[in-house]
Structure formats: structure tokens, C-alpha cells
């Protein structure tokens, strides 16, 4: 989605070779794979002279596979003029000879990770030691290592990002929202007045996560539940069976569907996620978008949790605090 926005705005210039990296182990049991393929099929209509590829990576050897890919791309073609990377990319990319040969590098938003992106480390301005030093060294040598600082870098973002290491170019999805006018989507919305968009809270554990979804349902009475693309299918089934609601995962980014839903008067409620920033630009009344504030709700469970659950709840709380303290004042929020 962010590549499409950058392309429509002229920040990204074709012809392009787009390589989408996907975690193969997750795609089997979640909606991740179908969303990746569906998004490519949908957004390809906006591109010219562009090829799309999907590469399946395995978590254990993720960085090594990236190193070989960077090496092969560098050997195959030395005429690349620019590189566009989703955040947060592996530092193997940004320290490879491939990226040091191009004329410019553009970092594109990849969810809320943009809020905490370490551009100084990514551009080699500040070199941080890896806790996997030998493995990191080997992978960088495979990729073709360059220790020089990465120059001419831009962050193309809708988030409140600041950095002395890269130029910041802000956008509000104007070009993409305009391009979506007139595009219709299927799907039966009969009887749907409220949609709940969940986030990736697997670290809460199924029991606590399901309790959260039930709490949202008690308050908002949503008829349609949209799971995060990385949530396991068995958890989605629990929600459907427990709450007797429809469960559906669109194969395009949720922001695209927010425009579709709200323009039909359907209200959207979302757990805190990157939608707190990106979603506001796609709202087309009379429906509205509400972002939940969940940190107090999680704190209450942290107090009564056992030691084993404490770390997972603390991680979820930390993520919630980062997101909630960054939500724009223009966005409607509601405490859970």
C-alpha cells in the first residue's frame, strides 16, 4: 500500500522490480499469504512497467536468505538507480554493496514500526554490535559488505517520524485515496453496523486475547470481526463460535476497506495499531473510525497475572503505550 502511494505521488519512479518477502511458516496457519497475494493483485492495477515477485523466507535462516538475495541481485544487475525498502528492513540490506551503489534509498512505512525506526543504525551512522556477532558477520560477507555510511536516504511516511540521519518526506495518502474512487468491493454487509478490526496480540495468549475481544463486543456489539493477518485460524474460529459474529479477513490492506465501510455508514472500531495513523485518511463519512485505548485494561490483567504471563502482558502494554501516546488528536479514541 505504501509503495503504491509513493508511486502515485512520484516519490517512487518506475520501471520497478518489486520483491515481497514473506514468512513461510506463518502463511500456512494464518491469512498472511492470502493478504500478500491479494494485495499484489489489487495494487498492480496502479503500476506500469513493474514486475512483482514473492519470496518465501524461513524464520531460522531469514537473514541468511536475505544475504544471498542481496548478493544475487548485485551480481545480476548493476544498473539499479534506487532502492525502496519497507521498514524495518534487515541491516543486511542497508549494509550491502547493492544499496551503496544506487543513487538513492527510500524507506517506506511498514506499520507502526516506523514510530521506533532506528535510522542512525540502519544507515551505518551509528554502528551497534549484534548479539549474534559471528552469524551477523557471515551474513554481511555473503551480501557483500560495505562499512560506509548509507547516503541520500529518505523516509516517506505518514507517521510523526523525526531523524537527523535521513530526510523526512511526509504524506497523507491523498494520491492513493483519490485513485480508489470508483473502485467497488464485493462482500455481504447485510446487517453490519459495526466492524471490529483486531491487532496482533498473540503474545497476550488466547485466553486473555479472547477476553479482550469479548469486552469490545459487549461495548460495541460488532457484527463483523476482522482478525489481524498473522492471527492463527483457530483463534479466529474461537471468536466466531463464542460471539456468533461473522469473521472475515479482506485480502487487501484494512485501510482500503475502511474507505469502503465508512462510506456506507458502517462504524469501524480498531485495537491500537498503525491504523491509528493510516486509517484516518481513508475515512469517508457517515461512518466513523474509533481507536481503542487498551493500556489500562492490560495493566489490570498484569496485576492479577502469574509470573509466566507477566512478560507477555508487559510486552503488549509497552506496544500499546507507544501507539496510544502517538495517536493524533484528530482521531476519535475510546477507553476499553
C-alpha atoms as a PDB file:
ATOM      1  CA  UNK A   1       0.000   0.000   0.000  1.00  0.00           C
ATOM      2  CA  UNK A   2       2.743   2.445   0.920  1.00  0.00           C
ATOM      3  CA  UNK A   3       4.707   1.585  -2.220  1.00  0.00           C
ATOM      4  CA  UNK A   4       1.573   2.329  -4.268  1.00  0.00           C
ATOM      5  CA  UNK A   5       1.103   5.681  -2.516  1.00  0.00           C
ATOM      6  CA  UNK A   6       4.754   6.595  -3.110  1.00  0.00           C
ATOM      7  CA  UNK A   7       4.479   5.556  -6.764  1.00  0.00           C
ATOM      8  CA  UNK A   8       1.304   7.579  -7.360  1.00  0.00           C
ATOM      9  CA  UNK A   9       2.906  10.605  -5.669  1.00  0.00           C
ATOM     10  CA  UNK A  10       6.036  10.367  -7.816  1.00  0.00           C
ATOM     11  CA  UNK A  11       8.395   9.562  -4.925  1.00  0.00           C
ATOM     12  CA  UNK A  12       8.933   6.107  -6.412  1.00  0.00           C
ATOM     13  CA  UNK A  13       9.738   6.066 -10.119  1.00  0.00           C
ATOM     14  CA  UNK A  14       9.483   3.035 -12.417  1.00  0.00           C
ATOM     15  CA  UNK A  15      10.243   0.747 -14.054  1.00  0.00           C
ATOM     16  CA  UNK A  16      10.246  -1.328 -10.868  1.00  0.00           C
ATOM     17  CA  UNK A  17      11.162  -4.791  -9.735  1.00  0.00           C
ATOM     18  CA  UNK A  18       9.156  -5.441  -6.550  1.00  0.00           C
ATOM     19  CA  UNK A  19      10.207  -8.307  -4.272  1.00  0.00           C
ATOM     20  CA  UNK A  20       7.820  -9.123  -1.422  1.00  0.00           C
ATOM     21  CA  UNK A  21       9.394 -11.133   1.391  1.00  0.00           C
ATOM     22  CA  UNK A  22       7.042 -13.381   3.366  1.00  0.00           C
ATOM     23  CA  UNK A  23       7.437 -15.593   6.413  1.00  0.00           C
ATOM     24  CA  UNK A  24       6.568 -19.019   5.083  1.00  0.00           C
ATOM     25  CA  UNK A  25       5.925 -20.613   8.472  1.00  0.00           C
ATOM     26  CA  UNK A  26       3.236 -18.031   9.300  1.00  0.00           C
ATOM     27  CA  UNK A  27       1.485 -18.094   5.950  1.00  0.00           C
ATOM     28  CA  UNK A  28       0.420 -21.725   6.392  1.00  0.00           C
ATOM     29  CA  UNK A  29      -1.714 -21.198   9.513  1.00  0.00           C
ATOM     30  CA  UNK A  30      -2.709 -17.532   9.098  1.00  0.00           C
ATOM     31  CA  UNK A  31      -4.154 -15.208   6.449  1.00  0.00           C
ATOM     32  CA  UNK A  32      -0.739 -13.687   5.784  1.00  0.00           C
ATOM     33  CA  UNK A  33      -0.188 -15.423   2.452  1.00  0.00           C
ATOM     34  CA  UNK A  34      -3.613 -14.608   1.006  1.00  0.00           C
ATOM     35  CA  UNK A  35      -3.271 -10.944   2.041  1.00  0.00           C
ATOM     36  CA  UNK A  36       0.152 -10.660   0.382  1.00  0.00           C
ATOM     37  CA  UNK A  37      -1.084 -12.214  -2.867  1.00  0.00           C
ATOM     38  CA  UNK A  38      -4.384 -10.321  -2.781  1.00  0.00           C
ATOM     39  CA  UNK A  39      -2.638  -7.000  -2.187  1.00  0.00           C
ATOM     40  CA  UNK A  40      -0.267  -7.557  -5.090  1.00  0.00           C
ATOM     41  CA  UNK A  41      -3.185  -8.413  -7.389  1.00  0.00           C
ATOM     42  CA  UNK A  42      -5.138  -5.349  -6.272  1.00  0.00           C
ATOM     43  CA  UNK A  43      -2.362  -2.754  -6.342  1.00  0.00           C
ATOM     44  CA  UNK A  44      -0.792  -3.967  -9.596  1.00  0.00           C
ATOM     45  CA  UNK A  45      -3.525  -2.084 -11.483  1.00  0.00           C
ATOM     46  CA  UNK A  46      -1.884   1.210 -10.483  1.00  0.00           C
ATOM     47  CA  UNK A  47       1.610   0.339 -11.760  1.00  0.00           C
ATOM     48  CA  UNK A  48       3.240   0.386 -15.186  1.00  0.00           C
ATOM     49  CA  UNK A  49       6.456  -1.388 -16.198  1.00  0.00           C
ATOM     50  CA  UNK A  50       6.549  -3.274 -12.911  1.00  0.00           C
ATOM     51  CA  UNK A  51       7.175  -6.915 -12.058  1.00  0.00           C
ATOM     52  CA  UNK A  52       6.122  -8.473  -8.749  1.00  0.00           C
ATOM     53  CA  UNK A  53       7.763 -11.434  -7.019  1.00  0.00           C
ATOM     54  CA  UNK A  54       7.068 -13.201  -3.720  1.00  0.00           C
ATOM     55  CA  UNK A  55       9.965 -14.822  -1.877  1.00  0.00           C
ATOM     56  CA  UNK A  56       9.219 -17.257   0.951  1.00  0.00           C
ATOM     57  CA  UNK A  57      11.626 -16.979   3.881  1.00  0.00           C
ATOM     58  CA  UNK A  58      12.101 -19.203   6.925  1.00  0.00           C
ATOM     59  CA  UNK A  59      12.465 -17.543  10.320  1.00  0.00           C
ATOM     60  CA  UNK A  60      15.533 -19.501  11.442  1.00  0.00           C
ATOM     61  CA  UNK A  61      17.569 -18.602   8.338  1.00  0.00           C
ATOM     62  CA  UNK A  62      15.771 -15.346   7.438  1.00  0.00           C
ATOM     63  CA  UNK A  63      18.881 -13.122   7.442  1.00  0.00           C
ATOM     64  CA  UNK A  64      20.961 -15.662   5.527  1.00  0.00           C
ATOM     65  CA  UNK A  65      18.321 -15.859   2.790  1.00  0.00           C
ATOM     66  CA  UNK A  66      18.264 -12.057   2.613  1.00  0.00           C
ATOM     67  CA  UNK A  67      22.061 -12.024   2.349  1.00  0.00           C
ATOM     68  CA  UNK A  68      22.006 -14.406  -0.622  1.00  0.00           C
ATOM     69  CA  UNK A  69      19.221 -12.368  -2.252  1.00  0.00           C
ATOM     70  CA  UNK A  70      21.183  -9.118  -1.888  1.00  0.00           C
ATOM     71  CA  UNK A  71      24.286 -10.831  -3.279  1.00  0.00           C
ATOM     72  CA  UNK A  72      22.432 -12.293  -6.268  1.00  0.00           C
ATOM     73  CA  UNK A  73      20.699  -9.009  -7.099  1.00  0.00           C
ATOM     74  CA  UNK A  74      24.029  -7.215  -7.017  1.00  0.00           C
ATOM     75  CA  UNK A  75      25.585  -9.796  -9.357  1.00  0.00           C
ATOM     76  CA  UNK A  76      22.621  -9.946 -11.735  1.00  0.00           C
ATOM     77  CA  UNK A  77      22.276  -6.261 -12.488  1.00  0.00           C
ATOM     78  CA  UNK A  78      24.438  -3.245 -11.647  1.00  0.00           C
ATOM     79  CA  UNK A  79      22.082  -0.665 -13.180  1.00  0.00           C
ATOM     80  CA  UNK A  80      19.636  -0.202 -10.288  1.00  0.00           C
ATOM     81  CA  UNK A  81      19.248   3.526  -9.618  1.00  0.00           C
ATOM     82  CA  UNK A  82      17.135   3.435  -6.462  1.00  0.00           C
ATOM     83  CA  UNK A  83      16.070   1.079  -3.690  1.00  0.00           C
ATOM     84  CA  UNK A  84      12.773   1.252  -1.810  1.00  0.00           C
ATOM     85  CA  UNK A  85      12.650  -0.647   1.481  1.00  0.00           C
ATOM     86  CA  UNK A  86       9.791  -1.406   3.833  1.00  0.00           C
ATOM     87  CA  UNK A  87      10.542  -0.587   7.461  1.00  0.00           C
ATOM     88  CA  UNK A  88      12.066  -2.090   9.443  1.00  0.00           C
ATOM     89  CA  UNK A  89      14.418  -3.824   6.987  1.00  0.00           C
ATOM     90  CA  UNK A  90      17.237  -6.111   7.988  1.00  0.00           C
ATOM     91  CA  UNK A  91      20.513  -4.201   8.334  1.00  0.00           C
ATOM     92  CA  UNK A  92      21.934  -6.759   5.932  1.00  0.00           C
ATOM     93  CA  UNK A  93      20.152  -4.812   3.182  1.00  0.00           C
ATOM     94  CA  UNK A  94      21.365  -1.398   4.277  1.00  0.00           C
ATOM     95  CA  UNK A  95      24.970  -2.505   4.768  1.00  0.00           C
ATOM     96  CA  UNK A  96      25.178  -4.380   1.468  1.00  0.00           C
ATOM     97  CA  UNK A  97      27.149  -3.179  -1.543  1.00  0.00           C
ATOM     98  CA  UNK A  98      23.929  -3.332  -3.572  1.00  0.00           C
ATOM     99  CA  UNK A  99      22.385  -0.399  -1.696  1.00  0.00           C
ATOM    100  CA  UNK A 100      25.613   1.578  -1.673  1.00  0.00           C
ATOM    101  CA  UNK A 101      25.663   1.529  -5.486  1.00  0.00           C
ATOM    102  CA  UNK A 102      22.218   3.061  -6.007  1.00  0.00           C
ATOM    103  CA  UNK A 103      21.630   6.808  -6.274  1.00  0.00           C
ATOM    104  CA  UNK A 104      19.004   6.965  -3.520  1.00  0.00           C
ATOM    105  CA  UNK A 105      17.329   4.856  -0.836  1.00  0.00           C
ATOM    106  CA  UNK A 106      13.739   5.418   0.300  1.00  0.00           C
ATOM    107  CA  UNK A 107      12.357   3.851   3.482  1.00  0.00           C
ATOM    108  CA  UNK A 108       8.610   3.183   3.276  1.00  0.00           C
ATOM    109  CA  UNK A 109       6.276   2.717   6.244  1.00  0.00           C
ATOM    110  CA  UNK A 110       5.653  -0.840   7.342  1.00  0.00           C
ATOM    111  CA  UNK A 111       3.097  -0.427  10.092  1.00  0.00           C
ATOM    112  CA  UNK A 112       3.774   1.134  13.478  1.00  0.00           C
ATOM    113  CA  UNK A 113       7.442   0.062  13.352  1.00  0.00           C
ATOM    114  CA  UNK A 114       8.047   3.438  11.733  1.00  0.00           C
ATOM    115  CA  UNK A 115       7.471   5.065  15.132  1.00  0.00           C
ATOM    116  CA  UNK A 116      10.586   3.420  16.580  1.00  0.00           C
ATOM    117  CA  UNK A 117      12.760   3.054  13.478  1.00  0.00           C
ATOM    118  CA  UNK A 118      16.483   3.392  14.222  1.00  0.00           C
ATOM    119  CA  UNK A 119      17.622   5.258  11.109  1.00  0.00           C
ATOM    120  CA  UNK A 120      21.053   6.040  12.576  1.00  0.00           C
ATOM    121  CA  UNK A 121      21.799   2.326  12.850  1.00  0.00           C
ATOM    122  CA  UNK A 122      20.207   1.447   9.503  1.00  0.00           C
ATOM    123  CA  UNK A 123      22.325   3.961   7.618  1.00  0.00           C
ATOM    124  CA  UNK A 124      25.539   2.942   9.427  1.00  0.00           C
ATOM    125  CA  UNK A 125      25.801   6.380  11.015  1.00  0.00           C
ATOM    126  CA  UNK A 126      25.835   4.608  14.374  1.00  0.00           C
ATOM    127  CA  UNK A 127      27.120   1.036  14.417  1.00  0.00           C
ATOM    128  CA  UNK A 128      25.508  -1.160  17.027  1.00  0.00           C
ATOM    129  CA  UNK A 129      27.035  -4.548  17.871  1.00  0.00           C
ATOM    130  CA  UNK A 130      24.905  -7.550  17.068  1.00  0.00           C
ATOM    131  CA  UNK A 131      24.168 -10.086  19.780  1.00  0.00           C
ATOM    132  CA  UNK A 132      24.718 -12.697  17.044  1.00  0.00           C
ATOM    133  CA  UNK A 133      28.119 -11.320  16.047  1.00  0.00           C
ATOM    134  CA  UNK A 134      29.555 -14.283  14.133  1.00  0.00           C
ATOM    135  CA  UNK A 135      26.300 -15.056  12.299  1.00  0.00           C
ATOM    136  CA  UNK A 136      25.862 -11.350  11.523  1.00  0.00           C
ATOM    137  CA  UNK A 137      29.423 -11.130  10.201  1.00  0.00           C
ATOM    138  CA  UNK A 138      28.951 -14.170   7.928  1.00  0.00           C
ATOM    139  CA  UNK A 139      25.650 -12.887   6.524  1.00  0.00           C
ATOM    140  CA  UNK A 140      27.092  -9.474   5.775  1.00  0.00           C
ATOM    141  CA  UNK A 141      30.035 -11.001   3.959  1.00  0.00           C
ATOM    142  CA  UNK A 142      27.611 -13.106   1.907  1.00  0.00           C
ATOM    143  CA  UNK A 143      25.628  -9.996   0.999  1.00  0.00           C
ATOM    144  CA  UNK A 144      28.740  -8.048   0.020  1.00  0.00           C
ATOM    145  CA  UNK A 145      29.521  -5.872   2.992  1.00  0.00           C
ATOM    146  CA  UNK A 146      30.118  -2.119   2.931  1.00  0.00           C
ATOM    147  CA  UNK A 147      31.003  -0.313   6.140  1.00  0.00           C
ATOM    148  CA  UNK A 148      30.387   3.139   4.676  1.00  0.00           C
ATOM    149  CA  UNK A 149      27.501   5.308   5.816  1.00  0.00           C
ATOM    150  CA  UNK A 150      24.475   4.969   3.554  1.00  0.00           C
ATOM    151  CA  UNK A 151      23.910   8.316   1.841  1.00  0.00           C
ATOM    152  CA  UNK A 152      20.945  10.044   0.170  1.00  0.00           C
ATOM    153  CA  UNK A 153      18.250   8.379   2.264  1.00  0.00           C
ATOM    154  CA  UNK A 154      14.624   9.460   2.632  1.00  0.00           C
ATOM    155  CA  UNK A 155      11.829   8.266   4.913  1.00  0.00           C
ATOM    156  CA  UNK A 156       8.483   8.538   3.136  1.00  0.00           C
ATOM    157  CA  UNK A 157       5.987   8.396   5.971  1.00  0.00           C
ATOM    158  CA  UNK A 158       2.609   9.407   7.379  1.00  0.00           C
ATOM    159  CA  UNK A 159       3.865   8.894  10.944  1.00  0.00           C
ATOM    160  CA  UNK A 160       5.361  11.577  13.250  1.00  0.00           C
ATOM    161  CA  UNK A 161       8.903  10.464  12.471  1.00  0.00           C
ATOM    162  CA  UNK A 162      11.934  12.654  13.184  1.00  0.00           C
ATOM    163  CA  UNK A 163      15.549  11.876  12.348  1.00  0.00           C
ATOM    164  CA  UNK A 164      18.866  13.607  11.772  1.00  0.00           C
ATOM    165  CA  UNK A 165      20.083  10.629   9.729  1.00  0.00           C
ATOM    166  CA  UNK A 166      17.583  10.716   6.853  1.00  0.00           C
ATOM    167  CA  UNK A 167      15.351  13.254   5.139  1.00  0.00           C
ATOM    168  CA  UNK A 168      11.702  13.031   6.154  1.00  0.00           C
ATOM    169  CA  UNK A 169       9.030  13.354   3.481  1.00  0.00           C
ATOM    170  CA  UNK A 170       5.509  13.401   4.948  1.00  0.00           C
ATOM    171  CA  UNK A 171       2.324  12.372   3.151  1.00  0.00           C
ATOM    172  CA  UNK A 172      -1.372  11.846   3.944  1.00  0.00           C
ATOM    173  CA  UNK A 173      -2.308   9.283   1.294  1.00  0.00           C
ATOM    174  CA  UNK A 174      -4.056  11.904  -0.856  1.00  0.00           C
ATOM    175  CA  UNK A 175      -2.988  10.319  -4.133  1.00  0.00           C
ATOM    176  CA  UNK A 176      -3.972   6.776  -3.152  1.00  0.00           C
ATOM    177  CA  UNK A 177      -7.361   7.779  -1.701  1.00  0.00           C
ATOM    178  CA  UNK A 178      -8.147   9.647  -4.913  1.00  0.00           C
ATOM    179  CA  UNK A 179      -7.112   6.660  -7.036  1.00  0.00           C
ATOM    180  CA  UNK A 180      -9.539   4.433  -5.095  1.00  0.00           C
ATOM    181  CA  UNK A 181     -12.581   6.490  -6.111  1.00  0.00           C
ATOM    182  CA  UNK A 182     -14.990   4.402  -8.161  1.00  0.00           C
ATOM    183  CA  UNK A 183     -13.458   1.046  -7.178  1.00  0.00           C
ATOM    184  CA  UNK A 184     -16.054  -1.306  -5.671  1.00  0.00           C
ATOM    185  CA  UNK A 185     -15.587  -4.332  -3.425  1.00  0.00           C
ATOM    186  CA  UNK A 186     -17.718  -7.414  -3.009  1.00  0.00           C
ATOM    187  CA  UNK A 187     -18.805  -8.991   0.254  1.00  0.00           C
ATOM    188  CA  UNK A 188     -22.138  -9.188   2.017  1.00  0.00           C
ATOM    189  CA  UNK A 189     -22.530  -6.352   4.533  1.00  0.00           C
ATOM    190  CA  UNK A 190     -26.217  -7.007   5.248  1.00  0.00           C
ATOM    191  CA  UNK A 191     -26.960  -6.246   8.888  1.00  0.00           C
ATOM    192  CA  UNK A 192     -23.444  -4.971   9.602  1.00  0.00           C
ATOM    193  CA  UNK A 193     -23.431  -1.707  11.562  1.00  0.00           C
ATOM    194  CA  UNK A 194     -20.065  -2.014  13.309  1.00  0.00           C
ATOM    195  CA  UNK A 195     -16.807  -3.714  12.329  1.00  0.00           C
ATOM    196  CA  UNK A 196     -14.070  -4.573  14.824  1.00  0.00           C
ATOM    197  CA  UNK A 197     -10.510  -4.634  13.440  1.00  0.00           C
ATOM    198  CA  UNK A 198      -8.209  -6.605  15.745  1.00  0.00           C
ATOM    199  CA  UNK A 199      -4.446  -6.307  16.062  1.00  0.00           C
ATOM    200  CA  UNK A 200      -1.690  -8.877  16.508  1.00  0.00           C
ATOM    201  CA  UNK A 201      -1.958  -9.605  20.247  1.00  0.00           C
ATOM    202  CA  UNK A 202      -0.811 -13.224  20.152  1.00  0.00           C
ATOM    203  CA  UNK A 203       1.624 -12.518  22.991  1.00  0.00           C
ATOM    204  CA  UNK A 204      -1.360 -11.997  25.306  1.00  0.00           C
ATOM    205  CA  UNK A 205      -2.230 -15.661  24.970  1.00  0.00           C
ATOM    206  CA  UNK A 206      -5.522 -16.890  23.525  1.00  0.00           C
ATOM    207  CA  UNK A 207      -7.486 -16.653  26.797  1.00  0.00           C
ATOM    208  CA  UNK A 208      -6.629 -13.011  27.544  1.00  0.00           C
ATOM    209  CA  UNK A 209      -6.892 -12.001  23.913  1.00  0.00           C
ATOM    210  CA  UNK A 210     -10.333 -13.589  23.621  1.00  0.00           C
ATOM    211  CA  UNK A 211     -11.369 -11.819  26.831  1.00  0.00           C
ATOM    212  CA  UNK A 212     -10.356  -8.530  25.207  1.00  0.00           C
ATOM    213  CA  UNK A 213     -12.411  -9.255  22.082  1.00  0.00           C
ATOM    214  CA  UNK A 214     -15.416 -10.171  24.271  1.00  0.00           C
ATOM    215  CA  UNK A 215     -15.066  -6.874  26.148  1.00  0.00           C
ATOM    216  CA  UNK A 216     -15.082  -4.957  22.871  1.00  0.00           C
ATOM    217  CA  UNK A 217     -18.132  -6.902  21.712  1.00  0.00           C
ATOM    218  CA  UNK A 218     -20.007  -6.191  24.957  1.00  0.00           C
ATOM    219  CA  UNK A 219     -19.428  -2.476  24.468  1.00  0.00           C
ATOM    220  CA  UNK A 220     -19.829  -2.034  20.712  1.00  0.00           C
ATOM    221  CA  UNK A 221     -21.825  -5.069  19.635  1.00  0.00           C
ATOM    222  CA  UNK A 222     -19.901  -5.525  16.390  1.00  0.00           C
ATOM    223  CA  UNK A 223     -21.334  -7.879  13.777  1.00  0.00           C
ATOM    224  CA  UNK A 224     -18.137  -8.362  11.747  1.00  0.00           C
ATOM    225  CA  UNK A 225     -14.753  -9.314  13.214  1.00  0.00           C
ATOM    226  CA  UNK A 226     -11.600  -8.643  11.191  1.00  0.00           C
ATOM    227  CA  UNK A 227      -8.602 -10.592  12.549  1.00  0.00           C
ATOM    228  CA  UNK A 228      -5.036  -9.441  12.080  1.00  0.00           C
ATOM    229  CA  UNK A 229      -3.495 -11.241   9.127  1.00  0.00           C
ATOM    230  CA  UNK A 230      -1.000 -13.029  11.405  1.00  0.00           C
ATOM    231  CA  UNK A 231      -3.545 -14.359  13.902  1.00  0.00           C
ATOM    232  CA  UNK A 232      -3.947 -18.120  13.862  1.00  0.00           C
ATOM    233  CA  UNK A 233      -7.024 -19.534  12.151  1.00  0.00           C
ATOM    234  CA  UNK A 234      -8.007 -21.499  15.260  1.00  0.00           C
ATOM    235  CA  UNK A 235      -8.233 -18.271  17.292  1.00  0.00           C
ATOM    236  CA  UNK A 236     -10.462 -16.715  14.638  1.00  0.00           C
ATOM    237  CA  UNK A 237     -12.734 -19.754  14.896  1.00  0.00           C
ATOM    238  CA  UNK A 238     -12.952 -19.291  18.678  1.00  0.00           C
ATOM    239  CA  UNK A 239     -14.144 -15.715  18.187  1.00  0.00           C
ATOM    240  CA  UNK A 240     -16.753 -16.793  15.648  1.00  0.00           C
ATOM    241  CA  UNK A 241     -18.105 -19.619  17.808  1.00  0.00           C
ATOM    242  CA  UNK A 242     -18.016 -17.714  21.100  1.00  0.00           C
ATOM    243  CA  UNK A 243     -19.594 -14.445  19.917  1.00  0.00           C
ATOM    244  CA  UNK A 244     -21.692 -15.676  16.974  1.00  0.00           C
ATOM    245  CA  UNK A 245     -20.262 -12.975  14.698  1.00  0.00           C
ATOM    246  CA  UNK A 246     -19.036 -13.075  11.147  1.00  0.00           C
ATOM    247  CA  UNK A 247     -15.276 -13.439  10.748  1.00  0.00           C
ATOM    248  CA  UNK A 248     -13.628 -12.245   7.569  1.00  0.00           C
ATOM    249  CA  UNK A 249     -10.118 -11.232   6.587  1.00  0.00           C
ATOM    250  CA  UNK A 250     -10.001  -8.998   3.468  1.00  0.00           C
ATOM    251  CA  UNK A 251      -7.172  -9.762   1.083  1.00  0.00           C
ATOM    252  CA  UNK A 252      -6.297  -6.072   0.775  1.00  0.00           C
ATOM    253  CA  UNK A 253      -4.986  -3.701   3.473  1.00  0.00           C
ATOM    254  CA  UNK A 254      -7.595  -2.719   6.072  1.00  0.00           C
ATOM    255  CA  UNK A 255      -7.249   0.966   5.230  1.00  0.00           C
ATOM    256  CA  UNK A 256      -8.716   0.291   1.783  1.00  0.00           C
ATOM    257  CA  UNK A 257     -11.714  -1.382   3.390  1.00  0.00           C
ATOM    258  CA  UNK A 258     -12.154   1.463   5.908  1.00  0.00           C
ATOM    259  CA  UNK A 259     -12.960   3.727   2.977  1.00  0.00           C
ATOM    260  CA  UNK A 260     -15.418   1.135   1.678  1.00  0.00           C
ATOM    261  CA  UNK A 261     -17.122   0.547   5.046  1.00  0.00           C
ATOM    262  CA  UNK A 262     -17.381   4.107   6.356  1.00  0.00           C
ATOM    263  CA  UNK A 263     -18.716   5.437   3.058  1.00  0.00           C
ATOM    264  CA  UNK A 264     -21.657   3.055   3.602  1.00  0.00           C
ATOM    265  CA  UNK A 265     -22.325   4.309   7.127  1.00  0.00           C
ATOM    266  CA  UNK A 266     -20.600   1.405   8.900  1.00  0.00           C
ATOM    267  CA  UNK A 267     -18.609   2.313  12.017  1.00  0.00           C
ATOM    268  CA  UNK A 268     -15.131   0.845  12.462  1.00  0.00           C
ATOM    269  CA  UNK A 269     -13.619   0.109  15.886  1.00  0.00           C
ATOM    270  CA  UNK A 270      -9.935  -0.811  15.974  1.00  0.00           C
ATOM    271  CA  UNK A 271      -7.431  -2.013  18.534  1.00  0.00           C
ATOM    272  CA  UNK A 272      -4.407   0.343  18.686  1.00  0.00           C
ATOM    273  CA  UNK A 273      -2.258  -0.326  15.657  1.00  0.00           C
ATOM    274  CA  UNK A 274      -0.820   1.555  12.699  1.00  0.00           C
ATOM    275  CA  UNK A 275      -4.444   2.214  11.665  1.00  0.00           C
ATOM    276  CA  UNK A 276      -4.469   4.958  14.311  1.00  0.00           C
ATOM    277  CA  UNK A 277      -2.402   6.943  11.818  1.00  0.00           C
ATOM    278  CA  UNK A 278      -3.098   5.492   8.419  1.00  0.00           C
ATOM    279  CA  UNK A 279      -6.838   4.876   8.858  1.00  0.00           C
ATOM    280  CA  UNK A 280      -7.828   8.494   9.440  1.00  0.00           C
ATOM    281  CA  UNK A 281      -7.029   9.419   5.837  1.00  0.00           C
ATOM    282  CA  UNK A 282      -9.362   6.746   4.435  1.00  0.00           C
ATOM    283  CA  UNK A 283     -12.468   7.524   6.498  1.00  0.00           C
ATOM    284  CA  UNK A 284     -15.330   8.590   4.240  1.00  0.00           C
ATOM    285  CA  UNK A 285     -18.377   9.513   6.382  1.00  0.00           C
ATOM    286  CA  UNK A 286     -21.066   8.963   7.502  1.00  0.00           C
ATOM    287  CA  UNK A 287     -19.338   6.064   9.271  1.00  0.00           C
ATOM    288  CA  UNK A 288     -16.560   6.818  11.770  1.00  0.00           C
ATOM    289  CA  UNK A 289     -13.318   5.239  12.981  1.00  0.00           C
ATOM    290  CA  UNK A 290     -12.694   4.748  16.719  1.00  0.00           C
ATOM    291  CA  UNK A 291      -9.327   3.647  18.122  1.00  0.00           C
ATOM    292  CA  UNK A 292      -9.411   1.857  21.475  1.00  0.00           C
ATOM    293  CA  UNK A 293      -7.106   2.762  24.352  1.00  0.00           C
ATOM    294  CA  UNK A 294      -6.216  -0.552  25.980  1.00  0.00           C
ATOM    295  CA  UNK A 295      -3.226   0.111  28.221  1.00  0.00           C
ATOM    296  CA  UNK A 296      -5.326   0.412  31.421  1.00  0.00           C
ATOM    297  CA  UNK A 297      -7.187  -2.779  30.522  1.00  0.00           C
ATOM    298  CA  UNK A 298      -3.894  -4.644  30.086  1.00  0.00           C
ATOM    299  CA  UNK A 299      -2.496  -3.185  33.338  1.00  0.00           C
ATOM    300  CA  UNK A 300      -5.416  -4.642  35.271  1.00  0.00           C
ATOM    301  CA  UNK A 301      -4.635  -8.100  33.913  1.00  0.00           C
ATOM    302  CA  UNK A 302      -0.929  -7.664  34.638  1.00  0.00           C
ATOM    303  CA  UNK A 303      -1.714  -7.145  38.304  1.00  0.00           C
ATOM    304  CA  UNK A 304      -3.616 -10.423  38.559  1.00  0.00           C
ATOM    305  CA  UNK A 305      -1.433 -12.485  36.224  1.00  0.00           C
ATOM    306  CA  UNK A 306       1.053 -15.127  37.258  1.00  0.00           C
ATOM    307  CA  UNK A 307       4.786 -14.733  36.663  1.00  0.00           C
ATOM    308  CA  UNK A 308       4.702 -16.727  33.428  1.00  0.00           C
ATOM    309  CA  UNK A 309       2.175 -14.337  31.859  1.00  0.00           C
ATOM    310  CA  UNK A 310       3.822 -11.176  33.167  1.00  0.00           C
ATOM    311  CA  UNK A 311       6.402 -10.735  30.405  1.00  0.00           C
ATOM    312  CA  UNK A 312       3.901 -11.194  27.565  1.00  0.00           C
ATOM    313  CA  UNK A 313       1.474  -8.731  29.123  1.00  0.00           C
ATOM    314  CA  UNK A 314       4.295  -6.254  29.706  1.00  0.00           C
ATOM    315  CA  UNK A 315       5.324  -6.501  26.041  1.00  0.00           C
ATOM    316  CA  UNK A 316       1.747  -5.892  24.919  1.00  0.00           C
ATOM    317  CA  UNK A 317       1.440  -2.977  27.336  1.00  0.00           C
ATOM    318  CA  UNK A 318       4.651  -1.421  26.052  1.00  0.00           C
ATOM    319  CA  UNK A 319       3.418  -1.647  22.455  1.00  0.00           C
ATOM    320  CA  UNK A 320       0.064  -0.141  23.452  1.00  0.00           C
ATOM    321  CA  UNK A 321       1.710   2.781  25.251  1.00  0.00           C
ATOM    322  CA  UNK A 322       3.930   3.569  22.254  1.00  0.00           C
ATOM    323  CA  UNK A 323       0.910   3.599  19.966  1.00  0.00           C
ATOM    324  CA  UNK A 324      -1.508   5.404  22.247  1.00  0.00           C
ATOM    325  CA  UNK A 325       0.870   8.236  23.069  1.00  0.00           C
ATOM    326  CA  UNK A 326       1.302   8.793  19.328  1.00  0.00           C
ATOM    327  CA  UNK A 327      -2.339   8.788  18.211  1.00  0.00           C
ATOM    328  CA  UNK A 328      -3.221  12.092  16.506  1.00  0.00           C
ATOM    329  CA  UNK A 329      -5.602  14.410  18.348  1.00  0.00           C
ATOM    330  CA  UNK A 330      -7.855  14.364  15.303  1.00  0.00           C
ATOM    331  CA  UNK A 331      -8.608  10.651  15.777  1.00  0.00           C
ATOM    332  CA  UNK A 332     -11.564   9.539  17.915  1.00  0.00           C
ATOM    333  CA  UNK A 333     -10.408   7.332  20.804  1.00  0.00           C
ATOM    334  CA  UNK A 334     -12.260   5.362  23.478  1.00  0.00           C
ATOM    335  CA  UNK A 335     -11.036   3.601  26.621  1.00  0.00           C
ATOM    336  CA  UNK A 336     -11.700  -0.118  26.721  1.00  0.00           C
END
